[in-house]
Amino acid sequence: MAFGTTFRRTTPVYKTASGSTGKNERRLKATMATTDAALLATYGEGLTDALISGDPEVDMERLGLKLEGLKKVFITQEQKVAYGVSLNEHVYLPDGTEKEVRPESATSANIALEGVPLRWTGKLIPKSKALRMFMFKKSYQVQHVNGLTYDFLFDMAKKLADAGAMMLITAGAKGNEPLVMSNGGTPYRAFLEGRVQGDSYALILRLTNLELKEIPAK
């Protein structure tokens, strides 16, 4: 079996008014010295007058430079490169109140572990209910690679389509873990959706890490 995204991105062609083809490039818009925070620290209450009398927000030497080979770094409040960064995960209640701050955990991909297949849990949830309960962020289409896997996946899709429901899919040796698609990736709850039309089928893996909950009335 194999899986891939359920849609194809189109590649638009951009043209100028004269008909010439345009292209995307990354250009420098501002430097650390021209950010809002840096300008306020430099000019304070006199920033308005400085903006009227000159252009302190524009770095004339660097504005518009073409950027290539960029790397992401973390910086401190003093606009300096930070080293030994520890990332935290913020957990919020349905009303937006912060519930917990915890160290971000390192995750490992678990969808292709040798000898540990994804588990068909047997737990069904009606499609209409699932759409009201979860915000699905990603979708992958599970595809057959030969006649044997076609029969197997077609049967799965037909059972789900006939039931009008989605099936919870789990990972891990004990079959109780969310799916992690890549090392360092986000853990997702996964639901399998099936559609059938004649001899054709679509088996779609829907991923979510956001559950929709009603905010209690005060």
N, C-alpha and C. Protein backbone atom coordinates (compact mmCIF):
# COMPACT_ATOMS: atom_id res chain seq x y z
N MET A 1 0.83 -1.19 0.00
CA MET A 1 0.00 0.00 0.00
C MET A 1 0.87 1.25 0.00
N ALA A 2 0.31 2.33 -0.45
CA ALA A 2 1.01 3.61 -0.48
C ALA A 2 0.01 4.71 -0.16
N PHE A 3 0.51 5.86 0.22
CA PHE A 3 -0.40 6.96 0.46
C PHE A 3 0.21 8.24 -0.08
N GLY A 4 -0.67 9.17 -0.44
CA GLY A 4 -0.23 10.46 -0.96
C GLY A 4 -1.30 11.50 -0.67
N THR A 5 -1.01 12.76 -0.92
CA THR A 5 -1.98 13.81 -0.67
C THR A 5 -3.17 13.64 -1.60
N THR A 6 -4.31 14.17 -1.16
CA THR A 6 -5.55 13.96 -1.90
C THR A 6 -5.79 15.03 -2.96
N PHE A 7 -4.86 15.94 -3.16
CA PHE A 7 -5.06 16.97 -4.17
C PHE A 7 -3.73 17.34 -4.80
N ARG A 8 -3.81 17.98 -5.93
CA ARG A 8 -2.61 18.46 -6.62
C ARG A 8 -2.62 19.99 -6.64
N ARG A 9 -1.50 20.57 -6.30
CA ARG A 9 -1.39 22.02 -6.32
C ARG A 9 -1.11 22.49 -7.76
N THR A 10 -1.85 23.47 -8.20
CA THR A 10 -1.58 24.05 -9.51
C THR A 10 -0.40 25.02 -9.40
N THR A 11 0.32 25.15 -10.48
CA THR A 11 1.45 26.09 -10.51
C THR A 11 1.07 27.27 -11.38
N PRO A 12 0.65 28.37 -10.75
CA PRO A 12 0.23 29.53 -11.56
C PRO A 12 1.42 30.19 -12.26
N VAL A 13 1.15 30.79 -13.39
CA VAL A 13 2.17 31.54 -14.14
C VAL A 13 1.83 33.01 -14.01
N TYR A 14 2.76 33.76 -13.45
CA TYR A 14 2.54 35.19 -13.25
C TYR A 14 3.18 35.98 -14.39
N LYS A 15 2.42 36.95 -14.91
CA LYS A 15 2.93 37.78 -15.99
C LYS A 15 2.68 39.25 -15.69
N THR A 16 3.57 40.07 -16.20
CA THR A 16 3.43 41.51 -16.03
C THR A 16 2.44 42.05 -17.06
N ALA A 17 2.13 43.35 -16.95
CA ALA A 17 1.20 43.98 -17.89
C ALA A 17 1.73 43.92 -19.32
N SER A 18 3.06 43.87 -19.46
CA SER A 18 3.64 43.82 -20.80
C SER A 18 3.70 42.41 -21.37
N GLY A 19 3.33 41.40 -20.54
CA GLY A 19 3.31 40.03 -21.01
C GLY A 19 4.52 39.20 -20.64
N SER A 20 5.54 39.80 -20.04
CA SER A 20 6.72 39.03 -19.64
C SER A 20 6.42 38.20 -18.40
N THR A 21 7.06 37.05 -18.29
CA THR A 21 6.81 36.13 -17.19
C THR A 21 7.55 36.57 -15.93
N GLY A 22 6.82 36.57 -14.82
CA GLY A 22 7.44 36.94 -13.56
C GLY A 22 7.91 35.72 -12.79
N LYS A 23 8.65 35.93 -11.74
CA LYS A 23 9.11 34.83 -10.91
C LYS A 23 9.17 35.30 -9.46
N ASN A 24 9.08 34.33 -8.54
CA ASN A 24 9.12 34.64 -7.12
C ASN A 24 10.54 34.69 -6.61
N GLU A 25 10.85 35.70 -5.83
CA GLU A 25 12.15 35.83 -5.19
C GLU A 25 11.95 36.36 -3.78
N ARG A 26 12.87 36.00 -2.90
CA ARG A 26 12.85 36.53 -1.54
C ARG A 26 13.75 37.75 -1.48
N ARG A 27 13.18 38.87 -1.02
CA ARG A 27 13.91 40.11 -0.92
C ARG A 27 13.85 40.63 0.52
N LEU A 28 14.90 41.29 0.93
CA LEU A 28 14.98 41.82 2.29
C LEU A 28 14.05 43.02 2.44
N LYS A 29 13.18 42.96 3.43
CA LYS A 29 12.23 44.04 3.68
C LYS A 29 12.71 44.94 4.82
N ALA A 30 13.29 44.34 5.86
CA ALA A 30 13.76 45.11 7.01
C ALA A 30 14.88 44.36 7.69
N THR A 31 15.64 45.09 8.49
CA THR A 31 16.72 44.49 9.28
C THR A 31 16.36 44.57 10.76
N MET A 32 17.20 43.98 11.59
CA MET A 32 16.94 43.99 13.03
C MET A 32 16.91 45.42 13.57
N ALA A 33 17.65 46.32 12.91
CA ALA A 33 17.72 47.71 13.39
C ALA A 33 16.52 48.54 12.97
N THR A 34 15.70 48.03 12.06
CA THR A 34 14.55 48.80 11.59
C THR A 34 13.21 48.19 11.99
N THR A 35 13.22 47.24 12.92
CA THR A 35 11.96 46.70 13.42
C THR A 35 11.28 47.74 14.31
N ASP A 36 9.98 47.56 14.57
CA ASP A 36 9.25 48.49 15.42
C ASP A 36 9.88 48.59 16.81
N ALA A 37 10.24 47.42 17.37
CA ALA A 37 10.81 47.41 18.72
C ALA A 37 12.14 48.15 18.75
N ALA A 38 12.99 47.94 17.72
CA ALA A 38 14.29 48.60 17.68
C ALA A 38 14.14 50.11 17.52
N LEU A 39 13.21 50.55 16.69
CA LEU A 39 13.00 51.98 16.49
C LEU A 39 12.47 52.66 17.76
N LEU A 40 11.56 51.98 18.46
CA LEU A 40 11.04 52.54 19.71
C LEU A 40 12.14 52.64 20.76
N ALA A 41 13.01 51.62 20.80
CA ALA A 41 14.11 51.65 21.76
C ALA A 41 15.09 52.77 21.45
N THR A 42 15.26 53.07 20.16
CA THR A 42 16.22 54.11 19.75
C THR A 42 15.66 55.51 19.91
N TYR A 43 14.42 55.74 19.48
CA TYR A 43 13.87 57.09 19.44
C TYR A 43 12.88 57.39 20.56
N GLY A 44 12.29 56.36 21.15
CA GLY A 44 11.33 56.59 22.22
C GLY A 44 10.16 57.42 21.75
N GLU A 45 9.78 58.45 22.52
CA GLU A 45 8.64 59.30 22.17
C GLU A 45 8.93 60.16 20.95
N GLY A 46 10.18 60.26 20.57
CA GLY A 46 10.52 61.06 19.40
C GLY A 46 10.44 60.31 18.10
N LEU A 47 9.90 59.09 18.12
CA LEU A 47 9.84 58.28 16.91
C LEU A 47 8.98 58.93 15.83
N THR A 48 7.85 59.51 16.23
CA THR A 48 6.96 60.13 15.24
C THR A 48 7.69 61.23 14.48
N ASP A 49 8.39 62.10 15.21
CA ASP A 49 9.12 63.18 14.56
C ASP A 49 10.23 62.63 13.66
N ALA A 50 10.86 61.54 14.11
CA ALA A 50 11.94 60.93 13.30
C ALA A 50 11.40 60.37 12.00
N LEU A 51 10.20 59.78 12.04
CA LEU A 51 9.59 59.23 10.83
C LEU A 51 9.18 60.33 9.86
N ILE A 52 8.75 61.50 10.41
CA ILE A 52 8.34 62.61 9.56
C ILE A 52 9.55 63.27 8.90
N SER A 53 10.60 63.42 9.67
CA SER A 53 11.76 64.14 9.16
C SER A 53 12.71 63.27 8.33
N GLY A 54 12.62 61.96 8.48
CA GLY A 54 13.52 61.06 7.75
C GLY A 54 12.90 59.71 7.51
N ASP A 55 13.74 58.74 7.22
CA ASP A 55 13.27 57.37 6.97
C ASP A 55 14.07 56.36 7.81
N PRO A 56 13.98 56.44 9.13
CA PRO A 56 14.75 55.51 9.96
C PRO A 56 14.29 54.07 9.83
N GLU A 57 13.06 53.87 9.33
CA GLU A 57 12.55 52.51 9.19
C GLU A 57 13.05 51.82 7.92
N VAL A 58 13.83 52.51 7.11
CA VAL A 58 14.34 51.97 5.85
C VAL A 58 15.86 51.89 5.90
N ASP A 59 16.39 50.69 5.65
CA ASP A 59 17.84 50.52 5.54
C ASP A 59 18.20 50.66 4.06
N MET A 60 18.68 51.84 3.69
CA MET A 60 18.92 52.14 2.29
C MET A 60 19.99 51.24 1.67
N GLU A 61 20.90 50.73 2.49
CA GLU A 61 21.99 49.91 1.96
C GLU A 61 21.55 48.47 1.69
N ARG A 62 20.55 47.99 2.42
CA ARG A 62 20.19 46.57 2.35
C ARG A 62 18.78 46.30 1.84
N LEU A 63 17.91 47.27 1.87
CA LEU A 63 16.53 47.06 1.43
C LEU A 63 16.48 46.51 0.01
N GLY A 64 15.77 45.39 -0.17
CA GLY A 64 15.60 44.81 -1.50
C GLY A 64 16.66 43.82 -1.91
N LEU A 65 17.63 43.54 -1.01
CA LEU A 65 18.65 42.56 -1.35
C LEU A 65 18.03 41.18 -1.56
N LYS A 66 18.51 40.45 -2.55
CA LYS A 66 18.02 39.11 -2.83
C LYS A 66 18.53 38.15 -1.76
N LEU A 67 17.63 37.32 -1.21
CA LEU A 67 17.98 36.41 -0.12
C LEU A 67 18.01 34.98 -0.63
N GLU A 68 19.08 34.27 -0.31
CA GLU A 68 19.23 32.86 -0.70
C GLU A 68 19.90 32.09 0.44
N GLY A 69 19.66 30.77 0.49
CA GLY A 69 20.31 29.92 1.50
C GLY A 69 19.99 30.32 2.92
N LEU A 70 18.72 30.63 3.19
CA LEU A 70 18.32 31.09 4.52
C LEU A 70 18.25 29.93 5.51
N LYS A 71 18.52 30.24 6.76
CA LYS A 71 18.38 29.28 7.85
C LYS A 71 17.61 29.93 8.99
N LYS A 72 16.79 29.13 9.66
CA LYS A 72 15.98 29.64 10.76
C LYS A 72 16.79 29.65 12.05
N VAL A 73 16.72 30.77 12.78
CA VAL A 73 17.38 30.88 14.07
C VAL A 73 16.41 31.51 15.06
N PHE A 74 16.65 31.29 16.34
CA PHE A 74 15.87 31.92 17.39
C PHE A 74 16.66 33.09 17.95
N ILE A 75 15.95 34.16 18.31
CA ILE A 75 16.62 35.34 18.86
C ILE A 75 16.03 35.69 20.22
N THR A 76 16.80 36.41 21.01
CA THR A 76 16.36 36.86 22.32
C THR A 76 15.63 38.19 22.19
N GLN A 77 15.10 38.69 23.30
CA GLN A 77 14.42 39.98 23.29
C GLN A 77 15.40 41.11 22.98
N GLU A 78 16.69 40.83 23.17
CA GLU A 78 17.71 41.84 22.84
C GLU A 78 18.17 41.74 21.40
N GLN A 79 17.42 40.96 20.58
CA GLN A 79 17.71 40.83 19.15
C GLN A 79 19.05 40.15 18.89
N LYS A 80 19.43 39.22 19.75
CA LYS A 80 20.66 38.46 19.57
C LYS A 80 20.32 36.99 19.37
N VAL A 81 21.19 36.27 18.66
CA VAL A 81 20.95 34.85 18.39
C VAL A 81 20.94 34.08 19.70
N ALA A 82 19.92 33.24 19.90
CA ALA A 82 19.78 32.45 21.12
C ALA A 82 20.32 31.04 20.88
N TYR A 83 21.00 30.52 21.87
CA TYR A 83 21.55 29.17 21.80
C TYR A 83 20.95 28.32 22.92
N GLY A 84 20.90 26.99 22.71
CA GLY A 84 20.35 26.10 23.73
C GLY A 84 18.89 26.40 24.01
N VAL A 85 18.11 26.59 22.95
CA VAL A 85 16.70 26.97 23.09
C VAL A 85 15.86 25.78 23.56
N SER A 86 14.98 26.01 24.53
CA SER A 86 14.02 25.00 24.98
C SER A 86 12.63 25.45 24.56
N LEU A 87 11.92 24.61 23.83
CA LEU A 87 10.59 24.96 23.34
C LEU A 87 9.52 24.41 24.28
N ASN A 88 8.48 25.20 24.50
CA ASN A 88 7.37 24.80 25.35
C ASN A 88 6.09 24.69 24.54
N GLU A 89 5.21 23.83 24.99
CA GLU A 89 3.90 23.64 24.37
C GLU A 89 2.84 24.23 25.29
N HIS A 90 1.98 25.10 24.74
CA HIS A 90 0.94 25.75 25.53
C HIS A 90 -0.40 25.04 25.25
N VAL A 91 -1.08 24.63 26.30
CA VAL A 91 -2.37 23.94 26.18
C VAL A 91 -3.46 24.88 26.67
N TYR A 92 -4.51 25.04 25.86
CA TYR A 92 -5.58 25.99 26.18
C TYR A 92 -6.91 25.27 26.35
N LEU A 93 -7.74 25.82 27.22
CA LEU A 93 -9.11 25.34 27.41
C LEU A 93 -9.99 25.89 26.28
N PRO A 94 -11.21 25.34 26.10
CA PRO A 94 -12.08 25.81 25.02
C PRO A 94 -12.36 27.30 25.05
N ASP A 95 -12.35 27.93 26.25
CA ASP A 95 -12.64 29.36 26.33
C ASP A 95 -11.41 30.23 26.12
N GLY A 96 -10.27 29.60 25.78
CA GLY A 96 -9.06 30.35 25.50
C GLY A 96 -8.14 30.52 26.69
N THR A 97 -8.53 30.05 27.87
CA THR A 97 -7.69 30.15 29.06
C THR A 97 -6.54 29.15 28.98
N GLU A 98 -5.35 29.61 29.29
CA GLU A 98 -4.19 28.72 29.27
C GLU A 98 -4.28 27.72 30.41
N LYS A 99 -4.25 26.44 30.07
CA LYS A 99 -4.38 25.37 31.06
C LYS A 99 -3.03 24.89 31.56
N GLU A 100 -2.07 24.78 30.64
CA GLU A 100 -0.80 24.14 31.01
C GLU A 100 0.30 24.57 30.06
N VAL A 101 1.50 24.70 30.60
CA VAL A 101 2.70 24.92 29.79
C VAL A 101 3.65 23.78 30.09
N ARG A 102 4.04 23.04 29.05
CA ARG A 102 4.90 21.88 29.25
C ARG A 102 5.99 21.84 28.19
N PRO A 103 7.11 21.23 28.51
CA PRO A 103 8.18 21.13 27.51
C PRO A 103 7.70 20.39 26.27
N GLU A 104 8.09 20.90 25.11
CA GLU A 104 7.71 20.25 23.87
C GLU A 104 8.43 18.90 23.76
N SER A 105 7.67 17.87 23.52
CA SER A 105 8.24 16.52 23.48
C SER A 105 8.74 16.19 22.08
N ALA A 106 9.85 15.47 22.02
CA ALA A 106 10.39 15.02 20.73
C ALA A 106 9.58 13.81 20.25
N THR A 107 9.17 13.83 19.01
CA THR A 107 8.36 12.75 18.47
C THR A 107 9.11 12.02 17.36
N SER A 108 8.79 10.75 17.21
CA SER A 108 9.37 9.92 16.16
C SER A 108 8.26 9.37 15.28
N ALA A 109 8.51 9.27 13.99
CA ALA A 109 7.52 8.73 13.07
C ALA A 109 7.17 7.30 13.47
N ASN A 110 5.87 6.97 13.41
CA ASN A 110 5.45 5.62 13.80
C ASN A 110 4.50 4.99 12.80
N ILE A 111 4.47 5.51 11.57
CA ILE A 111 3.53 4.95 10.58
C ILE A 111 4.15 3.85 9.74
N ALA A 112 5.47 3.65 9.84
CA ALA A 112 6.12 2.64 9.01
C ALA A 112 7.13 1.83 9.82
N LEU A 113 6.81 1.57 11.10
CA LEU A 113 7.70 0.78 11.93
C LEU A 113 7.65 -0.68 11.48
N GLU A 114 8.80 -1.30 11.37
CA GLU A 114 8.87 -2.68 10.89
C GLU A 114 8.14 -3.62 11.85
N GLY A 115 7.18 -4.35 11.32
CA GLY A 115 6.45 -5.31 12.12
C GLY A 115 5.36 -4.71 12.99
N VAL A 116 5.15 -3.38 12.91
CA VAL A 116 4.12 -2.72 13.72
C VAL A 116 3.20 -1.94 12.78
N PRO A 117 2.19 -2.59 12.22
CA PRO A 117 1.30 -1.91 11.28
C PRO A 117 0.33 -0.98 12.01
N LEU A 118 -0.25 -0.04 11.28
CA LEU A 118 -1.32 0.77 11.84
C LEU A 118 -2.50 -0.12 12.16
N ARG A 119 -3.24 0.24 13.19
CA ARG A 119 -4.29 -0.65 13.68
C ARG A 119 -5.68 -0.15 13.32
N TRP A 120 -6.46 -1.05 12.72
CA TRP A 120 -7.89 -0.84 12.43
C TRP A 120 -8.62 -1.14 13.72
N THR A 121 -9.05 -0.09 14.46
CA THR A 121 -9.53 -0.28 15.83
C THR A 121 -10.93 -0.87 15.91
N GLY A 122 -11.74 -0.69 14.87
CA GLY A 122 -13.13 -1.13 14.93
C GLY A 122 -14.05 -0.10 15.53
N LYS A 123 -13.50 1.05 15.97
CA LYS A 123 -14.31 2.11 16.57
C LYS A 123 -14.82 3.04 15.47
N LEU A 124 -16.12 2.99 15.24
CA LEU A 124 -16.74 3.79 14.18
C LEU A 124 -17.35 5.06 14.75
N ILE A 125 -17.30 6.13 13.97
CA ILE A 125 -17.95 7.38 14.33
C ILE A 125 -18.64 7.91 13.08
N PRO A 126 -19.94 8.23 13.16
CA PRO A 126 -20.63 8.74 11.98
C PRO A 126 -19.93 9.97 11.40
N LYS A 127 -19.93 10.09 10.07
CA LYS A 127 -19.25 11.21 9.43
C LYS A 127 -19.78 12.55 9.94
N SER A 128 -21.10 12.67 10.05
CA SER A 128 -21.70 13.94 10.47
C SER A 128 -21.24 14.32 11.87
N LYS A 129 -21.08 13.34 12.73
CA LYS A 129 -20.62 13.60 14.10
C LYS A 129 -19.15 13.99 14.11
N ALA A 130 -18.35 13.30 13.30
CA ALA A 130 -16.91 13.58 13.25
C ALA A 130 -16.65 15.01 12.79
N LEU A 131 -17.44 15.48 11.81
CA LEU A 131 -17.26 16.84 11.29
C LEU A 131 -17.61 17.89 12.32
N ARG A 132 -18.48 17.54 13.28
CA ARG A 132 -18.83 18.49 14.33
C ARG A 132 -17.88 18.41 15.52
N MET A 133 -17.12 17.33 15.60
CA MET A 133 -16.25 17.11 16.77
C MET A 133 -14.80 17.51 16.53
N PHE A 134 -14.35 17.41 15.27
CA PHE A 134 -12.92 17.61 15.01
C PHE A 134 -12.69 18.59 13.87
N MET A 135 -11.54 19.25 13.94
CA MET A 135 -11.06 20.08 12.85
C MET A 135 -9.95 19.30 12.14
N PHE A 136 -10.24 18.79 10.95
CA PHE A 136 -9.27 17.97 10.23
C PHE A 136 -8.28 18.88 9.51
N LYS A 137 -6.99 18.64 9.74
CA LYS A 137 -5.95 19.51 9.23
C LYS A 137 -5.27 18.96 7.98
N LYS A 138 -5.17 17.63 7.88
CA LYS A 138 -4.49 17.02 6.74
C LYS A 138 -5.27 15.80 6.28
N SER A 139 -5.12 15.49 5.00
CA SER A 139 -5.77 14.31 4.43
C SER A 139 -4.80 13.62 3.48
N TYR A 140 -4.77 12.29 3.58
CA TYR A 140 -3.93 11.48 2.69
C TYR A 140 -4.80 10.38 2.08
N GLN A 141 -4.55 10.08 0.81
CA GLN A 141 -5.29 9.01 0.15
C GLN A 141 -4.46 7.74 0.16
N VAL A 142 -5.03 6.67 0.71
CA VAL A 142 -4.37 5.37 0.74
C VAL A 142 -4.65 4.66 -0.57
N GLN A 143 -3.59 4.17 -1.22
CA GLN A 143 -3.73 3.62 -2.56
C GLN A 143 -3.15 2.20 -2.62
N HIS A 144 -3.71 1.39 -3.52
CA HIS A 144 -3.21 0.03 -3.70
C HIS A 144 -2.01 0.04 -4.65
N VAL A 145 -1.17 -0.99 -4.53
CA VAL A 145 0.00 -1.11 -5.40
C VAL A 145 -0.05 -2.38 -6.25
N ASN A 146 -1.03 -3.24 -6.00
CA ASN A 146 -1.22 -4.44 -6.82
C ASN A 146 -2.65 -4.93 -6.64
N GLY A 147 -2.99 -6.03 -7.33
CA GLY A 147 -4.35 -6.54 -7.29
C GLY A 147 -4.78 -6.99 -5.90
N LEU A 148 -3.87 -7.58 -5.13
CA LEU A 148 -4.20 -8.06 -3.79
C LEU A 148 -4.54 -6.91 -2.86
N THR A 149 -3.73 -5.86 -2.88
CA THR A 149 -4.02 -4.72 -2.01
C THR A 149 -5.24 -3.95 -2.50
N TYR A 150 -5.53 -4.02 -3.80
CA TYR A 150 -6.75 -3.39 -4.31
C TYR A 150 -7.98 -4.04 -3.67
N ASP A 151 -8.03 -5.36 -3.68
CA ASP A 151 -9.18 -6.07 -3.09
C ASP A 151 -9.32 -5.73 -1.61
N PHE A 152 -8.19 -5.68 -0.92
CA PHE A 152 -8.20 -5.44 0.52
C PHE A 152 -8.69 -4.03 0.82
N LEU A 153 -8.16 -3.05 0.11
CA LEU A 153 -8.53 -1.66 0.38
C LEU A 153 -9.93 -1.34 -0.12
N PHE A 154 -10.33 -1.95 -1.24
CA PHE A 154 -11.69 -1.73 -1.74
C PHE A 154 -12.70 -2.23 -0.72
N ASP A 155 -12.42 -3.38 -0.12
CA ASP A 155 -13.33 -3.94 0.89
C ASP A 155 -13.42 -3.02 2.10
N MET A 156 -12.29 -2.46 2.52
CA MET A 156 -12.29 -1.52 3.65
C MET A 156 -13.12 -0.29 3.32
N ALA A 157 -12.92 0.26 2.13
CA ALA A 157 -13.64 1.46 1.73
C ALA A 157 -15.15 1.21 1.65
N LYS A 158 -15.52 0.02 1.14
CA LYS A 158 -16.94 -0.30 1.00
C LYS A 158 -17.62 -0.44 2.37
N LYS A 159 -16.93 -1.08 3.31
CA LYS A 159 -17.51 -1.24 4.65
C LYS A 159 -17.74 0.13 5.30
N LEU A 160 -16.79 1.03 5.14
CA LEU A 160 -16.94 2.36 5.74
C LEU A 160 -18.01 3.16 5.02
N ALA A 161 -18.06 3.05 3.69
CA ALA A 161 -19.07 3.79 2.92
C ALA A 161 -20.47 3.29 3.26
N ASP A 162 -20.64 1.98 3.37
CA ASP A 162 -21.95 1.42 3.70
C ASP A 162 -22.39 1.84 5.09
N ALA A 163 -21.43 1.97 6.00
CA ALA A 163 -21.76 2.36 7.37
C ALA A 163 -21.95 3.86 7.53
N GLY A 164 -21.50 4.63 6.52
CA GLY A 164 -21.59 6.08 6.61
C GLY A 164 -20.79 6.62 7.78
N ALA A 165 -19.67 5.97 8.05
CA ALA A 165 -18.90 6.31 9.24
C ALA A 165 -17.41 6.34 8.93
N MET A 166 -16.65 6.84 9.90
CA MET A 166 -15.20 6.86 9.81
C MET A 166 -14.63 5.98 10.91
N MET A 167 -13.47 5.37 10.62
CA MET A 167 -12.86 4.42 11.55
C MET A 167 -11.62 5.04 12.19
N LEU A 168 -11.53 4.93 13.51
CA LEU A 168 -10.34 5.40 14.23
C LEU A 168 -9.16 4.48 13.92
N ILE A 169 -8.04 5.07 13.53
CA ILE A 169 -6.81 4.33 13.22
C ILE A 169 -5.74 4.75 14.22
N THR A 170 -5.04 3.77 14.80
CA THR A 170 -4.02 4.07 15.79
C THR A 170 -2.68 3.44 15.39
N ALA A 171 -1.64 3.78 16.13
CA ALA A 171 -0.30 3.27 15.84
C ALA A 171 0.32 2.74 17.13
N GLY A 172 1.56 2.24 17.00
CA GLY A 172 2.28 1.75 18.17
C GLY A 172 2.09 0.27 18.41
N ALA A 173 3.00 -0.31 19.18
CA ALA A 173 2.95 -1.75 19.45
C ALA A 173 1.67 -2.16 20.18
N LYS A 174 1.16 -1.28 21.05
CA LYS A 174 -0.06 -1.57 21.80
C LYS A 174 -1.30 -1.03 21.10
N GLY A 175 -1.12 -0.36 19.99
CA GLY A 175 -2.26 0.15 19.24
C GLY A 175 -3.02 1.25 19.96
N ASN A 176 -2.32 2.06 20.75
CA ASN A 176 -2.99 3.13 21.50
C ASN A 176 -2.32 4.49 21.31
N GLU A 177 -1.53 4.64 20.26
CA GLU A 177 -0.80 5.88 20.04
C GLU A 177 -1.37 6.65 18.85
N PRO A 178 -1.30 7.98 18.90
CA PRO A 178 -1.68 8.77 17.72
C PRO A 178 -0.66 8.58 16.62
N LEU A 179 -0.99 9.00 15.42
CA LEU A 179 -0.08 8.86 14.28
C LEU A 179 0.88 10.04 14.21
N VAL A 180 2.16 9.74 13.99
CA VAL A 180 3.19 10.76 13.76
C VAL A 180 3.77 10.47 12.39
N MET A 181 3.57 11.39 11.44
CA MET A 181 3.92 11.13 10.05
C MET A 181 5.41 11.26 9.77
N SER A 182 6.14 12.04 10.57
CA SER A 182 7.57 12.23 10.35
C SER A 182 8.26 12.53 11.67
N ASN A 183 9.57 12.32 11.73
CA ASN A 183 10.32 12.62 12.95
C ASN A 183 10.18 14.10 13.30
N GLY A 184 9.84 14.35 14.56
CA GLY A 184 9.62 15.72 14.99
C GLY A 184 8.25 16.26 14.61
N GLY A 185 7.40 15.41 14.03
CA GLY A 185 6.08 15.85 13.57
C GLY A 185 5.06 15.90 14.68
N THR A 186 3.89 16.41 14.34
CA THR A 186 2.79 16.55 15.29
C THR A 186 2.03 15.23 15.42
N PRO A 187 1.71 14.79 16.65
CA PRO A 187 0.86 13.60 16.81
C PRO A 187 -0.58 13.93 16.39
N TYR A 188 -1.17 13.07 15.57
CA TYR A 188 -2.53 13.28 15.09
C TYR A 188 -3.41 12.09 15.42
N ARG A 189 -4.66 12.38 15.79
CA ARG A 189 -5.68 11.34 15.78
C ARG A 189 -6.08 11.13 14.33
N ALA A 190 -6.24 9.88 13.94
CA ALA A 190 -6.47 9.57 12.53
C ALA A 190 -7.79 8.82 12.36
N PHE A 191 -8.53 9.21 11.33
CA PHE A 191 -9.80 8.55 11.00
C PHE A 191 -9.78 8.19 9.52
N LEU A 192 -10.23 7.00 9.22
CA LEU A 192 -10.25 6.51 7.84
C LEU A 192 -11.65 6.64 7.27
N GLU A 193 -11.74 7.28 6.12
CA GLU A 193 -13.02 7.46 5.43
C GLU A 193 -13.01 6.69 4.12
N GLY A 194 -14.13 6.04 3.79
CA GLY A 194 -14.21 5.26 2.57
C GLY A 194 -15.31 5.74 1.64
N ARG A 195 -15.01 5.74 0.34
CA ARG A 195 -15.99 6.08 -0.67
C ARG A 195 -15.87 5.07 -1.81
N VAL A 196 -17.02 4.67 -2.36
CA VAL A 196 -17.03 3.66 -3.43
C VAL A 196 -17.97 4.10 -4.53
N GLN A 197 -17.53 3.93 -5.78
CA GLN A 197 -18.38 4.18 -6.95
C GLN A 197 -18.04 3.15 -8.00
N GLY A 198 -18.93 2.17 -8.18
CA GLY A 198 -18.64 1.09 -9.10
C GLY A 198 -17.44 0.29 -8.64
N ASP A 199 -16.45 0.12 -9.53
CA ASP A 199 -15.23 -0.60 -9.16
C ASP A 199 -14.15 0.33 -8.61
N SER A 200 -14.47 1.60 -8.47
CA SER A 200 -13.49 2.57 -7.97
C SER A 200 -13.74 2.85 -6.49
N TYR A 201 -12.68 3.21 -5.82
CA TYR A 201 -12.82 3.51 -4.40
C TYR A 201 -11.87 4.65 -4.02
N ALA A 202 -12.16 5.30 -2.91
CA ALA A 202 -11.26 6.29 -2.31
C ALA A 202 -11.20 6.00 -0.82
N LEU A 203 -10.01 5.77 -0.34
CA LEU A 203 -9.79 5.51 1.08
C LEU A 203 -8.92 6.66 1.59
N ILE A 204 -9.52 7.51 2.42
CA ILE A 204 -8.87 8.76 2.81
C ILE A 204 -8.58 8.76 4.30
N LEU A 205 -7.34 9.06 4.64
CA LEU A 205 -6.91 9.14 6.04
C LEU A 205 -6.99 10.60 6.46
N ARG A 206 -7.90 10.89 7.39
CA ARG A 206 -8.10 12.26 7.88
C ARG A 206 -7.36 12.43 9.21
N LEU A 207 -6.57 13.48 9.32
CA LEU A 207 -5.77 13.71 10.53
C LEU A 207 -6.24 14.96 11.26
N THR A 208 -6.29 14.87 12.59
CA THR A 208 -6.72 16.00 13.40
C THR A 208 -5.95 16.04 14.72
N ASN A 209 -5.67 17.24 15.18
CA ASN A 209 -5.12 17.42 16.53
C ASN A 209 -5.90 18.50 17.26
N LEU A 210 -7.10 18.78 16.76
CA LEU A 210 -7.94 19.81 17.37
C LEU A 210 -9.38 19.30 17.50
N GLU A 211 -9.84 19.18 18.73
CA GLU A 211 -11.19 18.74 19.00
C GLU A 211 -12.07 19.95 19.29
N LEU A 212 -13.22 20.01 18.66
CA LEU A 212 -14.15 21.12 18.85
C LEU A 212 -15.03 20.82 20.06
N LYS A 213 -15.04 21.75 21.00
CA LYS A 213 -15.85 21.58 22.22
C LYS A 213 -16.71 22.82 22.45
N GLU A 214 -17.87 22.59 22.99
CA GLU A 214 -18.76 23.69 23.29
C GLU A 214 -18.27 24.44 24.53
N ILE A 215 -18.26 25.76 24.45
CA ILE A 215 -17.85 26.58 25.59
C ILE A 215 -18.98 26.61 26.62
N PRO A 216 -18.71 26.21 27.86
CA PRO A 216 -19.78 26.19 28.87
C PRO A 216 -20.36 27.59 29.09
N ALA A 217 -21.68 27.65 29.26
CA ALA A 217 -22.34 28.92 29.51
C ALA A 217 -22.00 29.41 30.92
N LYS A 218 -21.77 30.70 31.05
CA LYS A 218 -21.43 31.26 32.36
C LYS A 218 -22.70 31.79 33.05
